[in-house]
């Protein structure tokens, strides 16, 4: 049953479905029931999408601010990231498909990416990210740098607060011991202070139970 929400109709009325996207109201027909079984190619594509969404779902709040391609307004950050994962980061053969974290981008945009980043972890759970500051007059060394730690096993994400800038060459992030249990991936990226542009993220490695 459809409802009126924010001046727009949402839901099903007869054979039509009403919905809103980016403030614009749309209507589409109810899909007809499938009469034939899906083909192997369709099953593979469905599994590719499932694997991509499983990996990206915990990252969705970050992706909304970190995926800033030139035509970002056309899709949400999660949709852009999903497209990237489907194109570049699905590995294996059906039905043994998986996401390769080293090929995943957690940010995207026109800013220059971090130069020669290196991530380390000490016994207390303190991550330290080093990189080479920009040396070109065309690179803004005041752009905030972010370190993202993603525990894929627990589906938990920790992100630094953006207090370090490109020109600092270093940032640290303290995490609780439980965050290190399981498979953990690190990514570094930049987002400008107006949140209108970002850099392509760099993959910093995977830890398993706290060991790189």
N, C-alpha and C. Protein backbone atom coordinates (compact mmCIF):
# COMPACT_ATOMS: atom_id res chain seq x y z
N UNK A 1 0.85 -1.19 0.00
CA UNK A 1 0.00 0.00 0.00
C UNK A 1 0.88 1.23 0.00
N UNK A 2 0.53 2.22 -0.80
CA UNK A 2 1.31 3.44 -0.89
C UNK A 2 0.96 4.40 0.24
N UNK A 3 1.95 5.24 0.61
CA UNK A 3 1.74 6.26 1.62
C UNK A 3 2.26 7.59 1.09
N UNK A 4 1.77 8.69 1.65
CA UNK A 4 2.22 10.03 1.29
C UNK A 4 3.30 10.44 2.27
N UNK A 5 4.50 10.72 1.76
CA UNK A 5 5.64 11.05 2.62
C UNK A 5 6.38 12.22 2.01
N UNK A 6 6.44 13.33 2.78
CA UNK A 6 7.14 14.51 2.28
C UNK A 6 6.54 15.09 1.02
N UNK A 7 5.24 14.91 0.84
CA UNK A 7 4.59 15.43 -0.35
C UNK A 7 4.66 14.52 -1.54
N UNK A 8 5.31 13.35 -1.39
CA UNK A 8 5.45 12.40 -2.49
C UNK A 8 4.79 11.08 -2.13
N UNK A 9 4.30 10.40 -3.15
CA UNK A 9 3.67 9.10 -2.95
C UNK A 9 4.75 8.02 -2.98
N UNK A 10 4.72 7.14 -1.98
CA UNK A 10 5.68 6.05 -1.88
C UNK A 10 4.92 4.73 -1.76
N UNK A 11 5.34 3.74 -2.54
CA UNK A 11 4.74 2.42 -2.38
C UNK A 11 3.96 1.97 -3.61
N UNK A 12 3.17 0.92 -3.43
CA UNK A 12 2.48 0.25 -4.53
C UNK A 12 1.02 0.66 -4.60
N UNK A 13 0.60 0.99 -5.81
CA UNK A 13 -0.80 1.25 -6.10
C UNK A 13 -1.16 0.45 -7.34
N UNK A 14 -1.94 -0.62 -7.15
CA UNK A 14 -2.28 -1.49 -8.27
C UNK A 14 -1.03 -2.12 -8.84
N UNK A 15 -0.81 -1.89 -10.14
CA UNK A 15 0.37 -2.45 -10.81
C UNK A 15 1.50 -1.45 -10.94
N UNK A 16 1.45 -0.37 -10.16
CA UNK A 16 2.47 0.67 -10.22
C UNK A 16 3.16 0.84 -8.87
N UNK A 17 4.45 1.16 -8.91
CA UNK A 17 5.23 1.43 -7.71
C UNK A 17 5.74 2.87 -7.78
N UNK A 18 5.41 3.67 -6.75
CA UNK A 18 5.85 5.06 -6.67
C UNK A 18 7.04 5.15 -5.71
N UNK A 19 8.06 5.94 -6.13
CA UNK A 19 9.22 6.13 -5.26
C UNK A 19 9.87 7.46 -5.58
N UNK A 20 10.75 7.90 -4.68
CA UNK A 20 11.43 9.18 -4.82
C UNK A 20 12.93 8.97 -4.79
N UNK A 21 13.64 9.67 -5.68
CA UNK A 21 15.10 9.61 -5.71
C UNK A 21 15.63 11.01 -5.94
N UNK A 22 16.49 11.46 -5.03
CA UNK A 22 17.09 12.79 -5.11
C UNK A 22 16.03 13.89 -5.27
N UNK A 23 14.93 13.72 -4.54
CA UNK A 23 13.88 14.73 -4.54
C UNK A 23 12.96 14.70 -5.74
N UNK A 24 13.11 13.71 -6.62
CA UNK A 24 12.27 13.60 -7.80
C UNK A 24 11.40 12.36 -7.68
N UNK A 25 10.10 12.51 -7.96
CA UNK A 25 9.16 11.39 -7.86
C UNK A 25 9.15 10.58 -9.15
N UNK A 26 9.18 9.24 -8.99
CA UNK A 26 9.16 8.34 -10.13
C UNK A 26 8.07 7.29 -9.95
N UNK A 27 7.70 6.65 -11.06
CA UNK A 27 6.75 5.56 -11.01
C UNK A 27 7.19 4.49 -12.00
N UNK A 28 7.06 3.23 -11.61
CA UNK A 28 7.41 2.13 -12.51
C UNK A 28 6.40 1.01 -12.33
N UNK A 29 6.37 0.13 -13.30
CA UNK A 29 5.45 -1.01 -13.25
C UNK A 29 5.98 -2.08 -12.30
N UNK A 30 5.08 -2.81 -11.70
CA UNK A 30 5.46 -3.95 -10.87
C UNK A 30 6.07 -5.02 -11.78
N UNK A 31 7.26 -5.53 -11.43
CA UNK A 31 7.88 -6.56 -12.28
C UNK A 31 6.98 -7.78 -12.41
N UNK A 32 6.96 -8.34 -13.60
CA UNK A 32 6.17 -9.54 -13.81
C UNK A 32 6.88 -10.75 -13.19
N UNK A 33 6.13 -11.71 -12.68
CA UNK A 33 6.77 -12.91 -12.12
C UNK A 33 7.62 -13.63 -13.15
N UNK A 34 8.76 -14.14 -12.71
CA UNK A 34 9.65 -14.85 -13.61
C UNK A 34 9.05 -16.20 -13.99
N UNK A 35 9.09 -16.52 -15.28
CA UNK A 35 8.51 -17.78 -15.75
C UNK A 35 9.59 -18.79 -16.15
N UNK A 36 10.84 -18.33 -16.27
CA UNK A 36 11.94 -19.23 -16.63
C UNK A 36 13.03 -19.12 -15.59
N UNK A 37 13.76 -20.20 -15.32
CA UNK A 37 14.85 -20.15 -14.35
C UNK A 37 15.98 -19.27 -14.86
N UNK A 38 16.73 -18.63 -13.97
CA UNK A 38 17.85 -17.79 -14.40
C UNK A 38 18.94 -18.61 -15.07
N UNK A 39 19.61 -18.01 -16.03
CA UNK A 39 20.71 -18.67 -16.73
C UNK A 39 21.95 -18.69 -15.83
N UNK A 40 22.95 -19.52 -16.14
CA UNK A 40 24.19 -19.51 -15.36
C UNK A 40 24.85 -18.13 -15.32
N UNK A 41 24.79 -17.39 -16.43
CA UNK A 41 25.37 -16.05 -16.45
C UNK A 41 24.62 -15.12 -15.51
N UNK A 42 23.30 -15.23 -15.47
CA UNK A 42 22.50 -14.40 -14.56
C UNK A 42 22.78 -14.76 -13.11
N UNK A 43 22.92 -16.04 -12.83
CA UNK A 43 23.24 -16.47 -11.46
C UNK A 43 24.60 -15.94 -11.04
N UNK A 44 25.56 -15.97 -11.95
CA UNK A 44 26.90 -15.45 -11.65
C UNK A 44 26.84 -13.96 -11.37
N UNK A 45 26.07 -13.22 -12.17
CA UNK A 45 25.97 -11.77 -11.96
C UNK A 45 25.28 -11.46 -10.64
N UNK A 46 24.25 -12.23 -10.29
CA UNK A 46 23.58 -12.03 -9.01
C UNK A 46 24.53 -12.26 -7.85
N UNK A 47 25.39 -13.28 -7.97
CA UNK A 47 26.34 -13.55 -6.90
C UNK A 47 27.42 -12.47 -6.84
N UNK A 48 27.83 -11.96 -8.00
CA UNK A 48 28.80 -10.85 -8.02
C UNK A 48 28.24 -9.64 -7.26
N UNK A 49 26.98 -9.32 -7.53
CA UNK A 49 26.35 -8.20 -6.84
C UNK A 49 26.23 -8.47 -5.34
N UNK A 50 25.87 -9.68 -4.98
CA UNK A 50 25.74 -10.04 -3.56
C UNK A 50 27.07 -9.88 -2.84
N UNK A 51 28.16 -10.38 -3.45
CA UNK A 51 29.47 -10.28 -2.82
C UNK A 51 29.90 -8.82 -2.68
N UNK A 52 29.63 -8.02 -3.71
CA UNK A 52 29.99 -6.60 -3.66
C UNK A 52 29.24 -5.89 -2.53
N UNK A 53 27.94 -6.14 -2.41
CA UNK A 53 27.15 -5.46 -1.40
C UNK A 53 27.51 -5.93 0.01
N UNK A 54 27.82 -7.21 0.16
CA UNK A 54 28.25 -7.71 1.47
C UNK A 54 29.51 -6.99 1.93
N UNK A 55 30.44 -6.78 1.02
CA UNK A 55 31.70 -6.13 1.39
C UNK A 55 31.49 -4.63 1.67
N UNK A 56 30.69 -3.97 0.85
CA UNK A 56 30.58 -2.51 0.90
C UNK A 56 29.57 -1.99 1.92
N UNK A 57 28.58 -2.80 2.30
CA UNK A 57 27.51 -2.29 3.17
C UNK A 57 28.02 -1.59 4.42
N UNK A 58 29.00 -2.15 5.17
CA UNK A 58 29.48 -1.45 6.37
C UNK A 58 30.19 -0.13 6.05
N UNK A 59 30.64 0.03 4.81
CA UNK A 59 31.38 1.23 4.41
C UNK A 59 30.47 2.33 3.89
N UNK A 60 29.19 2.07 3.74
CA UNK A 60 28.27 3.00 3.08
C UNK A 60 28.31 4.42 3.64
N UNK A 61 28.31 4.63 4.97
CA UNK A 61 28.35 6.02 5.47
C UNK A 61 29.61 6.77 5.06
N UNK A 62 30.74 6.08 4.97
CA UNK A 62 31.99 6.71 4.55
C UNK A 62 31.96 7.01 3.06
N UNK A 63 31.47 6.08 2.27
CA UNK A 63 31.47 6.22 0.82
C UNK A 63 30.65 7.41 0.36
N UNK A 64 29.65 7.79 1.13
CA UNK A 64 28.82 8.93 0.74
C UNK A 64 29.65 10.21 0.68
N UNK A 65 30.69 10.31 1.51
CA UNK A 65 31.54 11.49 1.53
C UNK A 65 32.85 11.31 0.78
N UNK A 66 33.24 10.07 0.50
CA UNK A 66 34.57 9.83 -0.06
C UNK A 66 34.56 9.52 -1.56
N UNK A 67 33.42 9.16 -2.13
CA UNK A 67 33.36 8.92 -3.57
C UNK A 67 32.86 10.18 -4.25
N UNK A 68 33.79 10.90 -4.90
CA UNK A 68 33.47 12.20 -5.49
C UNK A 68 33.94 12.29 -6.94
N UNK A 69 33.47 11.42 -7.83
CA UNK A 69 33.82 11.59 -9.24
C UNK A 69 33.16 12.85 -9.79
N UNK A 70 33.54 13.23 -11.00
CA UNK A 70 33.06 14.49 -11.56
C UNK A 70 31.54 14.57 -11.63
N UNK A 71 30.88 13.44 -11.95
CA UNK A 71 29.42 13.43 -12.06
C UNK A 71 28.80 12.69 -10.89
N UNK A 72 29.33 12.94 -9.70
CA UNK A 72 28.90 12.26 -8.47
C UNK A 72 27.41 12.39 -8.20
N UNK A 73 26.79 13.51 -8.64
CA UNK A 73 25.39 13.74 -8.32
C UNK A 73 24.46 12.72 -8.97
N UNK A 74 24.95 11.99 -9.96
CA UNK A 74 24.10 11.04 -10.66
C UNK A 74 23.81 9.82 -9.81
N UNK A 75 24.79 9.38 -9.00
CA UNK A 75 24.62 8.19 -8.17
C UNK A 75 25.07 8.50 -6.75
N UNK A 76 24.62 7.67 -5.80
CA UNK A 76 25.11 7.78 -4.44
C UNK A 76 26.54 7.25 -4.38
N UNK A 77 27.23 7.57 -3.27
CA UNK A 77 28.58 7.06 -3.10
C UNK A 77 28.63 5.55 -3.11
N UNK A 78 27.64 4.91 -2.47
CA UNK A 78 27.60 3.45 -2.44
C UNK A 78 27.41 2.88 -3.84
N UNK A 79 26.58 3.51 -4.64
CA UNK A 79 26.36 3.02 -6.00
C UNK A 79 27.63 3.13 -6.84
N UNK A 80 28.35 4.25 -6.69
CA UNK A 80 29.61 4.41 -7.41
C UNK A 80 30.61 3.35 -6.98
N UNK A 81 30.71 3.13 -5.67
CA UNK A 81 31.66 2.13 -5.16
C UNK A 81 31.29 0.73 -5.62
N UNK A 82 29.99 0.43 -5.67
CA UNK A 82 29.54 -0.88 -6.14
C UNK A 82 29.93 -1.10 -7.59
N UNK A 83 29.77 -0.07 -8.39
CA UNK A 83 30.18 -0.18 -9.80
C UNK A 83 31.66 -0.49 -9.90
N UNK A 84 32.48 0.20 -9.09
CA UNK A 84 33.93 -0.02 -9.14
C UNK A 84 34.29 -1.44 -8.72
N UNK A 85 33.66 -1.93 -7.66
CA UNK A 85 33.95 -3.29 -7.19
C UNK A 85 33.55 -4.31 -8.25
N UNK A 86 32.39 -4.14 -8.84
CA UNK A 86 31.94 -5.10 -9.86
C UNK A 86 32.88 -5.12 -11.07
N UNK A 87 33.44 -3.96 -11.41
CA UNK A 87 34.32 -3.88 -12.58
C UNK A 87 35.72 -4.42 -12.27
N UNK A 88 36.22 -4.15 -11.06
CA UNK A 88 37.65 -4.36 -10.80
C UNK A 88 37.99 -5.35 -9.70
N UNK A 89 37.07 -5.60 -8.77
CA UNK A 89 37.48 -6.27 -7.53
C UNK A 89 36.83 -7.62 -7.26
N UNK A 90 36.00 -8.12 -8.17
CA UNK A 90 35.44 -9.46 -7.98
C UNK A 90 36.41 -10.47 -8.56
N UNK A 91 36.82 -11.42 -7.74
CA UNK A 91 37.80 -12.43 -8.16
C UNK A 91 37.21 -13.82 -8.01
N UNK A 92 37.92 -14.82 -8.56
CA UNK A 92 37.48 -16.20 -8.46
C UNK A 92 36.57 -16.59 -9.62
N UNK A 93 36.15 -17.83 -9.59
CA UNK A 93 35.25 -18.37 -10.61
C UNK A 93 33.94 -18.78 -9.94
N UNK A 94 32.83 -18.52 -10.65
CA UNK A 94 31.53 -18.89 -10.11
C UNK A 94 31.49 -20.40 -9.87
N UNK A 95 31.00 -20.87 -8.71
CA UNK A 95 30.34 -20.09 -7.65
C UNK A 95 31.28 -19.62 -6.53
N UNK A 96 32.59 -19.75 -6.73
CA UNK A 96 33.55 -19.37 -5.69
C UNK A 96 34.05 -17.95 -5.93
N UNK A 97 33.13 -17.00 -5.94
CA UNK A 97 33.47 -15.60 -6.16
C UNK A 97 33.73 -14.90 -4.82
N UNK A 98 34.64 -13.94 -4.84
CA UNK A 98 34.93 -13.17 -3.63
C UNK A 98 35.44 -11.79 -4.02
N UNK A 99 35.47 -10.88 -3.06
CA UNK A 99 35.98 -9.52 -3.28
C UNK A 99 37.45 -9.48 -2.92
N UNK A 100 38.27 -9.00 -3.84
CA UNK A 100 39.69 -8.79 -3.58
C UNK A 100 39.86 -7.42 -2.94
N UNK A 101 40.15 -7.34 -1.64
CA UNK A 101 40.21 -6.03 -0.96
C UNK A 101 41.28 -5.12 -1.52
N UNK A 102 42.35 -5.69 -2.09
CA UNK A 102 43.40 -4.87 -2.66
C UNK A 102 42.99 -4.11 -3.90
N UNK A 103 41.88 -4.51 -4.53
CA UNK A 103 41.38 -3.84 -5.72
C UNK A 103 40.19 -2.92 -5.44
N UNK A 104 39.77 -2.87 -4.18
CA UNK A 104 38.62 -2.04 -3.80
C UNK A 104 39.08 -0.59 -3.59
N UNK A 105 38.27 0.35 -4.03
CA UNK A 105 38.50 1.76 -3.75
C UNK A 105 37.44 2.24 -2.76
N UNK A 106 37.90 2.82 -1.64
CA UNK A 106 36.95 3.37 -0.66
C UNK A 106 36.79 4.87 -0.84
N UNK A 107 37.53 5.45 -1.78
CA UNK A 107 37.34 6.86 -2.14
C UNK A 107 37.75 7.03 -3.60
N UNK A 108 37.25 8.12 -4.19
CA UNK A 108 37.53 8.37 -5.60
C UNK A 108 37.32 9.85 -5.89
N UNK A 109 38.19 10.42 -6.69
CA UNK A 109 38.03 11.81 -7.07
C UNK A 109 39.29 12.34 -7.73
N UNK A 110 39.33 13.66 -7.88
CA UNK A 110 40.40 14.28 -8.66
C UNK A 110 41.63 14.69 -7.88
N UNK A 111 41.62 14.58 -6.55
CA UNK A 111 42.80 14.97 -5.78
C UNK A 111 43.93 13.96 -5.99
N UNK A 112 45.19 14.42 -5.99
CA UNK A 112 46.31 13.48 -6.07
C UNK A 112 46.29 12.53 -4.88
N UNK A 113 46.56 11.27 -5.12
CA UNK A 113 46.53 10.27 -4.06
C UNK A 113 47.78 10.37 -3.18
N UNK A 114 47.76 9.66 -2.06
CA UNK A 114 48.91 9.65 -1.17
C UNK A 114 50.13 9.06 -1.88
N UNK A 115 51.27 9.64 -1.59
CA UNK A 115 52.51 9.23 -2.23
C UNK A 115 53.32 8.33 -1.30
N UNK A 116 53.61 7.13 -1.78
CA UNK A 116 54.42 6.14 -1.05
C UNK A 116 53.94 5.92 0.39
N UNK A 117 52.66 5.57 0.59
CA UNK A 117 52.16 5.35 1.95
C UNK A 117 52.66 4.03 2.53
N UNK A 118 52.90 4.02 3.84
CA UNK A 118 53.30 2.81 4.56
C UNK A 118 52.56 2.78 5.90
N UNK A 119 51.96 1.64 6.21
CA UNK A 119 51.18 1.48 7.43
C UNK A 119 51.88 0.52 8.37
N UNK A 120 51.93 0.90 9.65
CA UNK A 120 52.50 0.02 10.67
C UNK A 120 51.55 -0.04 11.86
N UNK A 121 51.74 -1.06 12.71
CA UNK A 121 50.89 -1.28 13.88
C UNK A 121 51.76 -1.71 15.04
N UNK A 122 51.57 -1.08 16.21
CA UNK A 122 52.35 -1.51 17.37
C UNK A 122 51.50 -2.41 18.27
N UNK A 123 52.10 -2.87 19.34
CA UNK A 123 51.45 -3.86 20.21
C UNK A 123 50.23 -3.29 20.94
N UNK A 124 50.13 -1.98 21.06
CA UNK A 124 49.00 -1.38 21.77
C UNK A 124 47.79 -1.14 20.88
N UNK A 125 47.89 -1.47 19.59
CA UNK A 125 46.79 -1.21 18.67
C UNK A 125 46.84 0.16 18.04
N UNK A 126 48.03 0.79 18.03
CA UNK A 126 48.20 2.11 17.42
C UNK A 126 48.70 1.95 15.99
N UNK A 127 47.87 2.36 15.04
CA UNK A 127 48.28 2.38 13.64
C UNK A 127 49.02 3.69 13.36
N UNK A 128 50.07 3.61 12.57
CA UNK A 128 50.78 4.79 12.11
C UNK A 128 50.91 4.72 10.60
N UNK A 129 50.44 5.77 9.94
CA UNK A 129 50.52 5.85 8.48
C UNK A 129 51.52 6.94 8.10
N UNK A 130 52.53 6.58 7.32
CA UNK A 130 53.52 7.53 6.81
C UNK A 130 53.33 7.68 5.30
N UNK A 131 53.63 8.85 4.77
CA UNK A 131 53.63 9.09 3.34
C UNK A 131 54.56 10.27 3.05
N UNK A 132 54.83 10.52 1.79
CA UNK A 132 55.68 11.64 1.39
C UNK A 132 54.79 12.84 1.07
N UNK A 133 54.99 13.98 1.74
CA UNK A 133 54.17 15.16 1.44
C UNK A 133 54.33 15.61 0.00
N UNK A 134 53.36 16.39 -0.47
CA UNK A 134 53.43 16.91 -1.83
C UNK A 134 54.56 17.89 -2.00
N UNK A 135 55.27 17.80 -3.12
CA UNK A 135 56.39 18.71 -3.38
C UNK A 135 56.12 19.66 -4.53
N UNK A 136 54.94 19.55 -5.13
CA UNK A 136 54.58 20.39 -6.26
C UNK A 136 53.74 21.58 -5.79
N UNK A 137 53.93 22.76 -6.40
CA UNK A 137 53.09 23.92 -6.04
C UNK A 137 51.62 23.72 -6.40
N UNK A 138 51.34 22.70 -7.21
CA UNK A 138 49.96 22.44 -7.62
C UNK A 138 49.26 21.46 -6.67
N UNK A 139 49.97 20.98 -5.65
CA UNK A 139 49.39 20.06 -4.67
C UNK A 139 49.19 20.80 -3.36
N UNK A 140 47.99 20.73 -2.82
CA UNK A 140 47.64 21.40 -1.57
C UNK A 140 48.03 20.52 -0.39
N UNK A 141 49.04 20.93 0.36
CA UNK A 141 49.48 20.16 1.51
C UNK A 141 48.59 20.34 2.73
N UNK A 142 47.52 21.15 2.60
CA UNK A 142 46.58 21.34 3.71
C UNK A 142 45.36 20.44 3.60
N UNK A 143 45.31 19.59 2.60
CA UNK A 143 44.18 18.69 2.44
C UNK A 143 44.22 17.61 3.52
N UNK A 144 43.11 17.36 4.21
CA UNK A 144 43.07 16.34 5.27
C UNK A 144 43.26 14.92 4.73
N UNK A 145 44.01 14.14 5.49
CA UNK A 145 44.27 12.74 5.17
C UNK A 145 43.49 11.86 6.13
N UNK A 146 42.96 10.75 5.62
CA UNK A 146 42.16 9.83 6.43
C UNK A 146 42.73 8.42 6.33
N UNK A 147 42.71 7.73 7.46
CA UNK A 147 43.05 6.32 7.52
C UNK A 147 41.79 5.55 7.87
N UNK A 148 41.44 4.58 7.04
CA UNK A 148 40.25 3.76 7.26
C UNK A 148 40.69 2.34 7.57
N UNK A 149 40.21 1.81 8.69
CA UNK A 149 40.47 0.43 9.09
C UNK A 149 39.15 -0.32 9.03
N UNK A 150 39.12 -1.38 8.21
CA UNK A 150 37.88 -2.12 7.98
C UNK A 150 38.08 -3.56 8.40
N UNK A 151 37.37 -3.97 9.46
CA UNK A 151 37.38 -5.36 9.89
C UNK A 151 36.29 -6.09 9.11
N UNK A 152 36.70 -6.79 8.06
CA UNK A 152 35.74 -7.48 7.21
C UNK A 152 35.04 -8.61 7.96
N UNK A 153 35.77 -9.27 8.88
CA UNK A 153 35.18 -10.37 9.64
C UNK A 153 34.05 -9.89 10.52
N UNK A 154 34.27 -8.79 11.23
CA UNK A 154 33.27 -8.26 12.15
C UNK A 154 32.34 -7.23 11.48
N UNK A 155 32.67 -6.82 10.25
CA UNK A 155 31.90 -5.81 9.53
C UNK A 155 31.88 -4.49 10.30
N UNK A 156 33.04 -4.10 10.80
CA UNK A 156 33.18 -2.85 11.56
C UNK A 156 34.20 -1.96 10.88
N UNK A 157 33.96 -0.65 10.94
CA UNK A 157 34.81 0.33 10.28
C UNK A 157 35.23 1.41 11.28
N UNK A 158 36.52 1.75 11.27
CA UNK A 158 37.05 2.84 12.08
C UNK A 158 37.79 3.79 11.14
N UNK A 159 37.50 5.09 11.26
CA UNK A 159 38.13 6.09 10.39
C UNK A 159 38.75 7.17 11.26
N UNK A 160 39.94 7.61 10.89
CA UNK A 160 40.58 8.72 11.61
C UNK A 160 39.77 9.99 11.44
N UNK A 161 40.04 11.00 12.24
CA UNK A 161 39.21 12.20 12.29
C UNK A 161 39.62 13.28 11.29
N UNK A 162 40.61 13.02 10.47
CA UNK A 162 41.02 14.01 9.49
C UNK A 162 41.81 15.16 10.07
N UNK A 163 42.50 14.93 11.19
CA UNK A 163 43.27 15.99 11.84
C UNK A 163 44.64 16.18 11.20
N UNK A 164 45.13 15.15 10.49
CA UNK A 164 46.42 15.26 9.81
C UNK A 164 46.20 15.74 8.37
N UNK A 165 47.18 16.47 7.84
CA UNK A 165 47.11 16.98 6.48
C UNK A 165 48.21 16.36 5.62
N UNK A 166 48.05 16.53 4.32
CA UNK A 166 49.02 15.94 3.39
C UNK A 166 50.45 16.36 3.74
N UNK A 167 50.61 17.60 4.12
CA UNK A 167 51.94 18.11 4.41
C UNK A 167 52.56 17.55 5.68
N UNK A 168 51.78 16.91 6.55
CA UNK A 168 52.31 16.37 7.80
C UNK A 168 53.14 15.11 7.57
N UNK A 169 52.77 14.32 6.58
CA UNK A 169 53.52 13.11 6.29
C UNK A 169 53.26 11.95 7.24
N UNK A 170 52.36 12.13 8.20
CA UNK A 170 52.11 11.06 9.18
C UNK A 170 50.79 11.29 9.89
N UNK A 171 50.10 10.20 10.21
CA UNK A 171 48.96 10.26 11.11
C UNK A 171 48.91 8.97 11.92
N UNK A 172 48.26 9.03 13.07
CA UNK A 172 48.10 7.85 13.91
C UNK A 172 46.63 7.62 14.22
N UNK A 173 46.28 6.37 14.46
CA UNK A 173 44.91 6.00 14.80
C UNK A 173 44.95 4.86 15.80
N UNK A 174 44.39 5.09 16.97
CA UNK A 174 44.33 4.06 18.01
C UNK A 174 43.01 3.30 17.87
N UNK A 175 43.11 1.96 17.88
CA UNK A 175 41.91 1.14 17.81
C UNK A 175 41.86 0.21 19.01
N UNK A 176 40.66 -0.21 19.37
CA UNK A 176 40.48 -1.15 20.47
C UNK A 176 41.00 -2.53 20.05
N UNK A 177 41.49 -3.34 21.01
CA UNK A 177 42.04 -4.66 20.67
C UNK A 177 41.07 -5.54 19.89
N UNK A 178 39.77 -5.44 20.19
CA UNK A 178 38.82 -6.33 19.51
C UNK A 178 38.70 -6.02 18.02
N UNK A 179 39.04 -4.80 17.62
CA UNK A 179 38.98 -4.44 16.20
C UNK A 179 39.98 -5.25 15.38
N UNK A 180 41.03 -5.72 16.03
CA UNK A 180 42.09 -6.43 15.32
C UNK A 180 41.82 -7.92 15.17
N UNK A 181 40.74 -8.40 15.74
CA UNK A 181 40.44 -9.83 15.65
C UNK A 181 39.73 -10.15 14.34
N UNK A 182 40.37 -10.99 13.54
CA UNK A 182 39.81 -11.33 12.25
C UNK A 182 40.61 -10.71 11.13
N UNK A 183 39.97 -10.57 9.97
CA UNK A 183 40.62 -10.03 8.78
C UNK A 183 40.36 -8.52 8.70
N UNK A 184 41.45 -7.74 8.70
CA UNK A 184 41.37 -6.28 8.77
C UNK A 184 42.13 -5.68 7.59
N UNK A 185 41.49 -4.74 6.89
CA UNK A 185 42.11 -4.06 5.75
C UNK A 185 42.32 -2.59 6.08
N UNK A 186 43.39 -2.01 5.51
CA UNK A 186 43.67 -0.60 5.70
C UNK A 186 43.65 0.15 4.38
N UNK A 187 43.10 1.37 4.39
CA UNK A 187 43.03 2.23 3.21
C UNK A 187 43.36 3.66 3.63
N UNK A 188 44.06 4.38 2.78
CA UNK A 188 44.36 5.79 3.02
C UNK A 188 43.83 6.64 1.88
N UNK A 189 43.33 7.83 2.20
CA UNK A 189 42.78 8.71 1.17
C UNK A 189 42.69 10.13 1.69
N UNK A 190 42.35 11.06 0.81
CA UNK A 190 42.17 12.47 1.16
C UNK A 190 40.79 12.93 0.73
N UNK A 191 40.21 13.83 1.51
CA UNK A 191 38.97 14.52 1.15
C UNK A 191 39.16 15.98 1.48
N UNK A 192 38.90 16.88 0.52
CA UNK A 192 39.15 18.29 0.80
C UNK A 192 38.16 18.81 1.85
N UNK A 193 38.47 19.96 2.41
CA UNK A 193 37.70 20.47 3.55
C UNK A 193 36.26 20.82 3.19
N UNK A 194 36.01 21.12 1.92
CA UNK A 194 34.64 21.41 1.49
C UNK A 194 33.86 20.14 1.17
N UNK A 195 34.55 18.98 1.21
CA UNK A 195 33.95 17.68 0.89
C UNK A 195 33.40 17.63 -0.53
N UNK A 196 34.02 18.39 -1.41
CA UNK A 196 33.59 18.37 -2.81
C UNK A 196 34.47 17.51 -3.69
N UNK A 197 35.65 17.15 -3.19
CA UNK A 197 36.54 16.31 -3.97
C UNK A 197 37.31 15.39 -3.04
N UNK A 198 37.82 14.32 -3.61
CA UNK A 198 38.57 13.33 -2.84
C UNK A 198 39.66 12.77 -3.73
N UNK A 199 40.52 11.96 -3.14
CA UNK A 199 41.54 11.27 -3.92
C UNK A 199 41.11 9.81 -4.12
N UNK A 200 41.75 9.17 -5.06
CA UNK A 200 41.62 7.72 -5.16
C UNK A 200 42.31 7.11 -3.93
N UNK A 201 41.66 6.17 -3.29
CA UNK A 201 42.24 5.56 -2.09
C UNK A 201 43.41 4.65 -2.46
N UNK A 202 44.27 4.42 -1.48
CA UNK A 202 45.37 3.47 -1.64
C UNK A 202 45.17 2.34 -0.63
N UNK A 203 45.38 1.13 -1.09
CA UNK A 203 45.27 -0.04 -0.23
C UNK A 203 46.57 -0.20 0.54
N UNK A 204 46.47 -0.36 1.87
CA UNK A 204 47.64 -0.37 2.74
C UNK A 204 48.00 -1.75 3.26
N UNK A 205 47.19 -2.74 2.94
CA UNK A 205 47.49 -4.10 3.37
C UNK A 205 46.39 -4.71 4.21
N UNK A 206 46.53 -6.00 4.47
CA UNK A 206 45.57 -6.76 5.26
C UNK A 206 46.27 -7.38 6.46
N UNK A 207 45.62 -7.29 7.62
CA UNK A 207 46.09 -7.95 8.82
C UNK A 207 45.16 -9.11 9.13
N UNK A 208 45.70 -10.16 9.68
CA UNK A 208 44.90 -11.26 10.18
C UNK A 208 45.24 -11.44 11.65
N UNK A 209 44.24 -11.15 12.48
CA UNK A 209 44.43 -11.21 13.95
C UNK A 209 45.62 -10.36 14.41
N UNK A 210 45.72 -9.16 13.83
CA UNK A 210 46.70 -8.19 14.29
C UNK A 210 48.07 -8.30 13.67
N UNK A 211 48.25 -9.18 12.68
CA UNK A 211 49.57 -9.34 12.06
C UNK A 211 49.50 -9.00 10.58
N UNK A 212 50.39 -8.09 10.15
CA UNK A 212 50.46 -7.71 8.74
C UNK A 212 51.10 -8.81 7.90
